[in-house]
PDB file of N, CA and C in Angstrom:
ATOM      1  N   UNK A   1     219.688  86.602 -98.426  1.00  0.00           N
ATOM      2  CA  UNK A   1     220.516  88.016 -99.018  1.00  0.00           C
ATOM      3  C   UNK A   1     220.272  88.623 -97.234  1.00  0.00           C
ATOM      4  N   UNK A   2     220.038  88.323 -96.244  1.00  0.00           N
ATOM      5  CA  UNK A   2     220.025  89.101 -94.826  1.00  0.00           C
ATOM      6  C   UNK A   2     221.186  88.731 -94.055  1.00  0.00           C
ATOM      7  N   UNK A   3     221.688  87.308 -94.380  1.00  0.00           N
ATOM      8  CA  UNK A   3     222.957  86.783 -93.676  1.00  0.00           C
ATOM      9  C   UNK A   3     223.932  87.800 -94.664  1.00  0.00           C
ATOM     10  N   UNK A   4     223.839  87.914 -95.552  1.00  0.00           N
ATOM     11  CA  UNK A   4     225.047  88.529 -96.407  1.00  0.00           C
ATOM     12  C   UNK A   4     225.240  90.218 -95.666  1.00  0.00           C
ATOM     13  N   UNK A   5     224.155  90.851 -95.307  1.00  0.00           N
ATOM     14  CA  UNK A   5     223.890  92.026 -94.899  1.00  0.00           C
ATOM     15  C   UNK A   5     224.192  92.152 -93.792  1.00  0.00           C
ATOM     16  N   UNK A   6     224.362  91.306 -92.915  1.00  0.00           N
ATOM     17  CA  UNK A   6     224.616  91.428 -91.496  1.00  0.00           C
ATOM     18  C   UNK A   6     225.943  91.933 -91.374  1.00  0.00           C
ATOM     19  N   UNK A   7     226.383  92.928 -90.120  1.00  0.00           N
ATOM     20  CA  UNK A   7     227.333  93.707 -90.072  1.00  0.00           C
ATOM     21  C   UNK A   7     228.545  92.528 -89.283  1.00  0.00           C
ATOM     22  N   UNK A   8     229.716  92.648 -89.191  1.00  0.00           N
ATOM     23  CA  UNK A   8     230.560  91.680 -88.648  1.00  0.00           C
ATOM     24  C   UNK A   8     230.589  91.405 -87.192  1.00  0.00           C
ATOM     25  N   UNK A   9     230.175  92.707 -86.817  1.00  0.00           N
ATOM     26  CA  UNK A   9     229.938  92.591 -85.190  1.00  0.00           C
ATOM     27  C   UNK A   9     228.399  93.448 -84.867  1.00  0.00           C
ATOM     28  N   UNK A  10     227.844  93.032 -83.916  1.00  0.00           N
ATOM     29  CA  UNK A  10     226.615  93.606 -83.273  1.00  0.00           C
ATOM     30  C   UNK A  10     226.750  94.746 -82.571  1.00  0.00           C
ATOM     31  N   UNK A  11     226.208  95.867 -83.197  1.00  0.00           N
ATOM     32  CA  UNK A  11     226.594  97.000 -82.531  1.00  0.00           C
ATOM     33  C   UNK A  11     225.982  97.182 -81.220  1.00  0.00           C
ATOM     34  N   UNK A  12     225.203  96.470 -80.761  1.00  0.00           N
ATOM     35  CA  UNK A  12     224.626  96.021 -79.291  1.00  0.00           C
ATOM     36  C   UNK A  12     225.797  95.613 -78.272  1.00  0.00           C
ATOM     37  N   UNK A  13     227.020  95.140 -78.811  1.00  0.00           N
ATOM     38  CA  UNK A  13     228.008  94.263 -78.106  1.00  0.00           C
ATOM     39  C   UNK A  13     229.142  95.638 -77.730  1.00  0.00           C
ATOM     40  N   UNK A  14     229.224  96.358 -78.784  1.00  0.00           N
ATOM     41  CA  UNK A  14     230.580  97.334 -78.824  1.00  0.00           C
ATOM     42  C   UNK A  14     229.937  99.046 -77.940  1.00  0.00           C
ATOM     43  N   UNK A  15     230.587  99.419 -77.151  1.00  0.00           N
ATOM     44  CA  UNK A  15     230.713 100.322 -76.435  1.00  0.00           C
ATOM     45  C   UNK A  15     232.036 101.048 -76.276  1.00  0.00           C
ATOM     46  N   UNK A  16     232.072 102.485 -76.298  1.00  0.00           N
ATOM     47  CA  UNK A  16     233.136 103.166 -75.936  1.00  0.00           C
ATOM     48  C   UNK A  16     233.131 103.448 -74.612  1.00  0.00           C
ATOM     49  N   UNK A  17     234.356 103.065 -74.038  1.00  0.00           N
ATOM     50  CA  UNK A  17     234.383 103.470 -72.527  1.00  0.00           C
ATOM     51  C   UNK A  17     235.181 104.876 -72.116  1.00  0.00           C
ATOM     52  N   UNK A  18     235.174 104.950 -70.948  1.00  0.00           N
ATOM     53  CA  UNK A  18     235.416 106.594 -70.615  1.00  0.00           C
ATOM     54  C   UNK A  18     236.924 107.015 -71.069  1.00  0.00           C
ATOM     55  N   UNK A  19     237.793 105.779 -70.986  1.00  0.00           N
ATOM     56  CA  UNK A  19     239.085 105.449 -71.019  1.00  0.00           C
ATOM     57  C   UNK A  19     239.858 105.525 -72.245  1.00  0.00           C
ATOM     58  N   UNK A  20     238.556 105.873 -73.362  1.00  0.00           N
ATOM     59  CA  UNK A  20     239.021 105.814 -74.460  1.00  0.00           C
ATOM     60  C   UNK A  20     239.048 104.236 -75.452  1.00  0.00           C
ATOM     61  N   UNK A  21     239.196 103.402 -74.544  1.00  0.00           N
ATOM     62  CA  UNK A  21     238.672 101.970 -74.888  1.00  0.00           C
ATOM     63  C   UNK A  21     237.723 101.237 -75.500  1.00  0.00           C
ATOM     64  N   UNK A  22     237.591 100.429 -76.441  1.00  0.00           N
ATOM     65  CA  UNK A  22     236.435  99.935 -76.922  1.00  0.00           C
ATOM     66  C   UNK A  22     236.019  98.754 -75.962  1.00  0.00           C
ATOM     67  N   UNK A  23     234.671  98.721 -75.697  1.00  0.00           N
ATOM     68  CA  UNK A  23     234.438  97.098 -74.924  1.00  0.00           C
ATOM     69  C   UNK A  23     233.656  96.371 -75.833  1.00  0.00           C
ATOM     70  N   UNK A  24     233.914  94.959 -76.129  1.00  0.00           N
ATOM     71  CA  UNK A  24     233.247  94.335 -77.006  1.00  0.00           C
ATOM     72  C   UNK A  24     232.728  93.489 -76.137  1.00  0.00           C
ATOM     73  N   UNK A  25     231.530  92.957 -75.747  1.00  0.00           N
ATOM     74  CA  UNK A  25     231.134  92.127 -74.679  1.00  0.00           C
ATOM     75  C   UNK A  25     230.661  90.897 -75.828  1.00  0.00           C
ATOM     76  N   UNK A  26     231.082  89.641 -75.118  1.00  0.00           N
ATOM     77  CA  UNK A  26     231.037  88.261 -75.995  1.00  0.00           C
ATOM     78  C   UNK A  26     229.639  87.930 -75.907  1.00  0.00           C
ATOM     79  N   UNK A  27     229.060  87.142 -76.810  1.00  0.00           N
ATOM     80  CA  UNK A  27     227.971  86.517 -76.728  1.00  0.00           C
ATOM     81  C   UNK A  27     227.506  85.259 -75.732  1.00  0.00           C
ATOM     82  N   UNK A  28     228.833  84.604 -75.368  1.00  0.00           N
ATOM     83  CA  UNK A  28     229.003  83.549 -74.500  1.00  0.00           C
ATOM     84  C   UNK A  28     229.970  84.043 -73.504  1.00  0.00           C
ATOM     85  N   UNK A  29     230.387  83.646 -72.660  1.00  0.00           N
ATOM     86  CA  UNK A  29     231.389  83.972 -71.568  1.00  0.00           C
ATOM     87  C   UNK A  29     232.800  82.816 -72.223  1.00  0.00           C
ATOM     88  N   UNK A  30     233.761  82.703 -72.156  1.00  0.00           N
ATOM     89  CA  UNK A  30     234.957  82.316 -72.376  1.00  0.00           C
ATOM     90  C   UNK A  30     235.003  80.851 -71.160  1.00  0.00           C
ATOM     91  N   UNK A  31     235.895  80.020 -71.349  1.00  0.00           N
ATOM     92  CA  UNK A  31     236.074  79.228 -70.021  1.00  0.00           C
ATOM     93  C   UNK A  31     236.556  79.660 -69.288  1.00  0.00           C
ATOM     94  N   UNK A  32     237.339  80.541 -69.087  1.00  0.00           N
ATOM     95  CA  UNK A  32     237.618  81.337 -67.844  1.00  0.00           C
ATOM     96  C   UNK A  32     236.849  82.402 -67.601  1.00  0.00           C
ATOM     97  N   UNK A  33     236.035  82.438 -68.128  1.00  0.00           N
ATOM     98  CA  UNK A  33     234.825  83.358 -67.434  1.00  0.00           C
ATOM     99  C   UNK A  33     235.057  84.590 -68.091  1.00  0.00           C
ATOM    100  N   UNK A  34     235.696  85.060 -69.016  1.00  0.00           N
ATOM    101  CA  UNK A  34     235.492  86.447 -69.599  1.00  0.00           C
ATOM    102  C   UNK A  34     234.354  86.587 -70.215  1.00  0.00           C
ATOM    103  N   UNK A  35     233.836  88.038 -69.963  1.00  0.00           N
ATOM    104  CA  UNK A  35     232.424  88.473 -70.837  1.00  0.00           C
ATOM    105  C   UNK A  35     232.510  89.181 -71.971  1.00  0.00           C
ATOM    106  N   UNK A  36     233.789  89.966 -71.983  1.00  0.00           N
ATOM    107  CA  UNK A  36     234.062  91.015 -72.603  1.00  0.00           C
ATOM    108  C   UNK A  36     235.592  91.392 -73.063  1.00  0.00           C
ATOM    109  N   UNK A  37     236.204  92.008 -73.635  1.00  0.00           N
ATOM    110  CA  UNK A  37     237.152  92.464 -74.033  1.00  0.00           C
ATOM    111  C   UNK A  37     237.187  93.738 -74.399  1.00  0.00           C
ATOM    112  N   UNK A  38     237.995  94.705 -73.618  1.00  0.00           N
ATOM    113  CA  UNK A  38     238.888  95.538 -73.923  1.00  0.00           C
ATOM    114  C   UNK A  38     239.862  95.705 -74.767  1.00  0.00           C
ATOM    115  N   UNK A  39     239.728  96.468 -75.608  1.00  0.00           N
ATOM    116  CA  UNK A  39     240.823  97.311 -76.736  1.00  0.00           C
ATOM    117  C   UNK A  39     240.709  98.400 -77.239  1.00  0.00           C
ATOM    118  N   UNK A  40     241.931  98.976 -77.331  1.00  0.00           N
ATOM    119  CA  UNK A  40     242.206 100.116 -78.089  1.00  0.00           C
ATOM    120  C   UNK A  40     241.092  99.973 -79.808  1.00  0.00           C
ATOM    121  N   UNK A  41     240.750 101.361 -80.050  1.00  0.00           N
ATOM    122  CA  UNK A  41     240.000 101.528 -81.280  1.00  0.00           C
ATOM    123  C   UNK A  41     241.320 100.772 -82.503  1.00  0.00           C
ATOM    124  N   UNK A  42     242.406 101.116 -82.516  1.00  0.00           N
ATOM    125  CA  UNK A  42     242.987 100.758 -83.797  1.00  0.00           C
ATOM    126  C   UNK A  42     242.717  99.163 -83.827  1.00  0.00           C
ATOM    127  N   UNK A  43     243.111  98.615 -82.604  1.00  0.00           N
ATOM    128  CA  UNK A  43     243.340  97.120 -82.578  1.00  0.00           C
ATOM    129  C   UNK A  43     242.000  96.548 -82.915  1.00  0.00           C
ATOM    130  N   UNK A  44     241.024  97.435 -82.781  1.00  0.00           N
ATOM    131  CA  UNK A  44     239.555  96.988 -83.121  1.00  0.00           C
ATOM    132  C   UNK A  44     239.213  96.704 -84.523  1.00  0.00           C
ATOM    133  N   UNK A  45     239.953  97.867 -85.445  1.00  0.00           N
ATOM    134  CA  UNK A  45     239.923  97.846 -86.896  1.00  0.00           C
ATOM    135  C   UNK A  45     240.607  97.169 -87.315  1.00  0.00           C
ATOM    136  N   UNK A  46     241.876  96.677 -86.766  1.00  0.00           N
ATOM    137  CA  UNK A  46     242.827  95.542 -87.482  1.00  0.00           C
ATOM    138  C   UNK A  46     242.236  94.327 -87.503  1.00  0.00           C
ATOM    139  N   UNK A  47     241.855  94.086 -86.303  1.00  0.00           N
ATOM    140  CA  UNK A  47     240.689  92.742 -86.270  1.00  0.00           C
ATOM    141  C   UNK A  47     239.976  92.996 -87.174  1.00  0.00           C
ATOM    142  N   UNK A  48     238.951  93.566 -87.737  1.00  0.00           N
ATOM    143  CA  UNK A  48     238.136  93.952 -88.326  1.00  0.00           C
ATOM    144  C   UNK A  48     238.460  93.680 -90.218  1.00  0.00           C
ATOM    145  N   UNK A  49     239.719  94.482 -90.080  1.00  0.00           N
ATOM    146  CA  UNK A  49     240.460  94.543 -91.659  1.00  0.00           C
ATOM    147  C   UNK A  49     240.803  92.887 -91.945  1.00  0.00           C
ATOM    148  N   UNK A  50     240.974  92.136 -90.872  1.00  0.00           N
ATOM    149  CA  UNK A  50     241.591  91.413 -90.982  1.00  0.00           C
ATOM    150  C   UNK A  50     240.407  90.103 -91.845  1.00  0.00           C
ATOM    151  N   UNK A  51     239.498  90.352 -91.384  1.00  0.00           N
ATOM    152  CA  UNK A  51     238.278  89.450 -91.464  1.00  0.00           C
ATOM    153  C   UNK A  51     237.514  89.777 -93.195  1.00  0.00           C
ATOM    154  N   UNK A  52     238.212  90.983 -93.916  1.00  0.00           N
ATOM    155  CA  UNK A  52     237.768  91.155 -95.212  1.00  0.00           C
ATOM    156  C   UNK A  52     238.519  90.595 -96.166  1.00  0.00           C
ATOM    157  N   UNK A  53     238.450  89.713 -97.070  1.00  0.00           N
ATOM    158  CA  UNK A  53     239.047  88.819 -97.968  1.00  0.00           C
ATOM    159  C   UNK A  53     239.748  89.817 -99.242  1.00  0.00           C
ATOM    160  N   UNK A  54     240.601  89.500 -99.209  1.00  0.00           N
ATOM    161  CA  UNK A  54     241.541  90.857-100.160  1.00  0.00           C
ATOM    162  C   UNK A  54     240.543  90.763-102.081  1.00  0.00           C
ATOM    163  N   UNK A  55     241.154  91.927-102.653  1.00  0.00           N
ATOM    164  CA  UNK A  55     239.952  91.936-103.691  1.00  0.00           C
ATOM    165  C   UNK A  55     240.502  90.910-104.620  1.00  0.00           C
ATOM    166  N   UNK A  56     239.176  90.943-105.122  1.00  0.00           N
ATOM    167  CA  UNK A  56     239.261  89.700-106.524  1.00  0.00           C
ATOM    168  C   UNK A  56     239.437  88.181-105.831  1.00  0.00           C
ATOM    169  N   UNK A  57     239.218  88.075-104.486  1.00  0.00           N
ATOM    170  CA  UNK A  57     239.429  86.662-103.913  1.00  0.00           C
ATOM    171  C   UNK A  57     238.082  86.135-104.107  1.00  0.00           C
ATOM    172  N   UNK A  58     238.068  84.583-104.562  1.00  0.00           N
ATOM    173  CA  UNK A  58     236.803  84.454-104.605  1.00  0.00           C
ATOM    174  C   UNK A  58     236.413  83.676-103.341  1.00  0.00           C
ATOM    175  N   UNK A  59     235.283  83.914-102.568  1.00  0.00           N
ATOM    176  CA  UNK A  59     234.949  83.223-101.378  1.00  0.00           C
ATOM    177  C   UNK A  59     234.041  82.159-101.668  1.00  0.00           C
ATOM    178  N   UNK A  60     233.415  81.608-103.045  1.00  0.00           N
ATOM    179  CA  UNK A  60     233.208  81.155-103.238  1.00  0.00           C
ATOM    180  C   UNK A  60     233.660  79.864-104.301  1.00  0.00           C
ATOM    181  N   UNK A  61     233.460  79.014-103.852  1.00  0.00           N
ATOM    182  CA  UNK A  61     234.647  77.723-104.502  1.00  0.00           C
ATOM    183  C   UNK A  61     233.875  76.607-105.702  1.00  0.00           C
ATOM    184  N   UNK A  62     233.622  76.783-106.731  1.00  0.00           N
ATOM    185  CA  UNK A  62     232.940  75.423-107.466  1.00  0.00           C
ATOM    186  C   UNK A  62     233.169  74.300-107.661  1.00  0.00           C
ATOM    187  N   UNK A  63     232.637  73.224-107.539  1.00  0.00           N
ATOM    188  CA  UNK A  63     233.083  72.103-107.633  1.00  0.00           C
ATOM    189  C   UNK A  63     231.975  70.910-108.562  1.00  0.00           C
ATOM    190  N   UNK A  64     232.705  70.295-109.343  1.00  0.00           N
ATOM    191  CA  UNK A  64     231.764  68.917-110.351  1.00  0.00           C
ATOM    192  C   UNK A  64     231.363  69.646-111.618  1.00  0.00           C
ATOM    193  N   UNK A  65     230.231  69.393-112.025  1.00  0.00           N
ATOM    194  CA  UNK A  65     230.166  70.395-113.268  1.00  0.00           C
ATOM    195  C   UNK A  65     230.135  71.897-113.508  1.00  0.00           C
ATOM    196  N   UNK A  66     230.084  72.130-112.103  1.00  0.00           N
ATOM    197  CA  UNK A  66     230.071  74.165-112.233  1.00  0.00           C
ATOM    198  C   UNK A  66     231.316  75.017-111.820  1.00  0.00           C
ATOM    199  N   UNK A  67     232.671  73.721-111.866  1.00  0.00           N
ATOM    200  CA  UNK A  67     233.826  74.269-111.554  1.00  0.00           C
ATOM    201  C   UNK A  67     234.248  75.047-112.666  1.00  0.00           C
ATOM    202  N   UNK A  68     234.914  75.613-112.636  1.00  0.00           N
ATOM    203  CA  UNK A  68     235.904  76.635-114.280  1.00  0.00           C
ATOM    204  C   UNK A  68     236.518  75.558-114.938  1.00  0.00           C
ATOM    205  N   UNK A  69     237.294  74.642-114.744  1.00  0.00           N
ATOM    206  CA  UNK A  69     237.515  73.466-115.910  1.00  0.00           C
ATOM    207  C   UNK A  69     236.894  72.099-116.352  1.00  0.00           C
ATOM    208  N   UNK A  70     235.797  72.095-115.699  1.00  0.00           N
ATOM    209  CA  UNK A  70     234.734  71.354-116.151  1.00  0.00           C
ATOM    210  C   UNK A  70     234.604  71.013-117.370  1.00  0.00           C
ATOM    211  N   UNK A  71     234.613  70.171-118.298  1.00  0.00           N
ATOM    212  CA  UNK A  71     234.536  69.797-119.648  1.00  0.00           C
ATOM    213  C   UNK A  71     232.809  69.910-119.808  1.00  0.00           C
ATOM    214  N   UNK A  72     232.060  69.264-119.096  1.00  0.00           N
ATOM    215  CA  UNK A  72     230.506  69.670-119.200  1.00  0.00           C
ATOM    216  C   UNK A  72     229.780  70.992-119.045  1.00  0.00           C
ATOM    217  N   UNK A  73     230.544  71.954-118.668  1.00  0.00           N
ATOM    218  CA  UNK A  73     230.206  72.849-117.980  1.00  0.00           C
ATOM    219  C   UNK A  73     229.418  73.628-119.094  1.00  0.00           C
ATOM    220  N   UNK A  74     229.403  73.782-120.184  1.00  0.00           N
ATOM    221  CA  UNK A  74     228.790  74.557-121.019  1.00  0.00           C
ATOM    222  C   UNK A  74     227.212  73.694-121.235  1.00  0.00           C
ATOM    223  N   UNK A  75     227.143  72.367-121.014  1.00  0.00           N
ATOM    224  CA  UNK A  75     225.777  72.034-121.028  1.00  0.00           C
ATOM    225  C   UNK A  75     224.701  72.187-119.856  1.00  0.00           C
ATOM    226  N   UNK A  76     225.499  72.610-118.651  1.00  0.00           N
ATOM    227  CA  UNK A  76     224.792  73.311-117.203  1.00  0.00           C
ATOM    228  C   UNK A  76     224.430  74.477-117.458  1.00  0.00           C
ATOM    229  N   UNK A  77     224.999  75.368-118.351  1.00  0.00           N
ATOM    230  CA  UNK A  77     224.100  76.660-118.671  1.00  0.00           C
ATOM    231  C   UNK A  77     223.549  77.146-119.640  1.00  0.00           C
TER     232      UNK A  77
END
């Protein structure tokens, strides 16, 4: 359950700059030695919203006996 409760971005890595931009520090530097990304708050929210699955979209897929179309499924439950 701890993994499910983790936020998508660590709050220690996000800070608001004086010019109104949001700076997100990276865990590891990119190949071009970029250590932080600056973006406006709306862009950050758009990126976060893109990572949320749509409503009624199952993120766990079952296969084998636990699949919804499996014939011997009634024996497994």
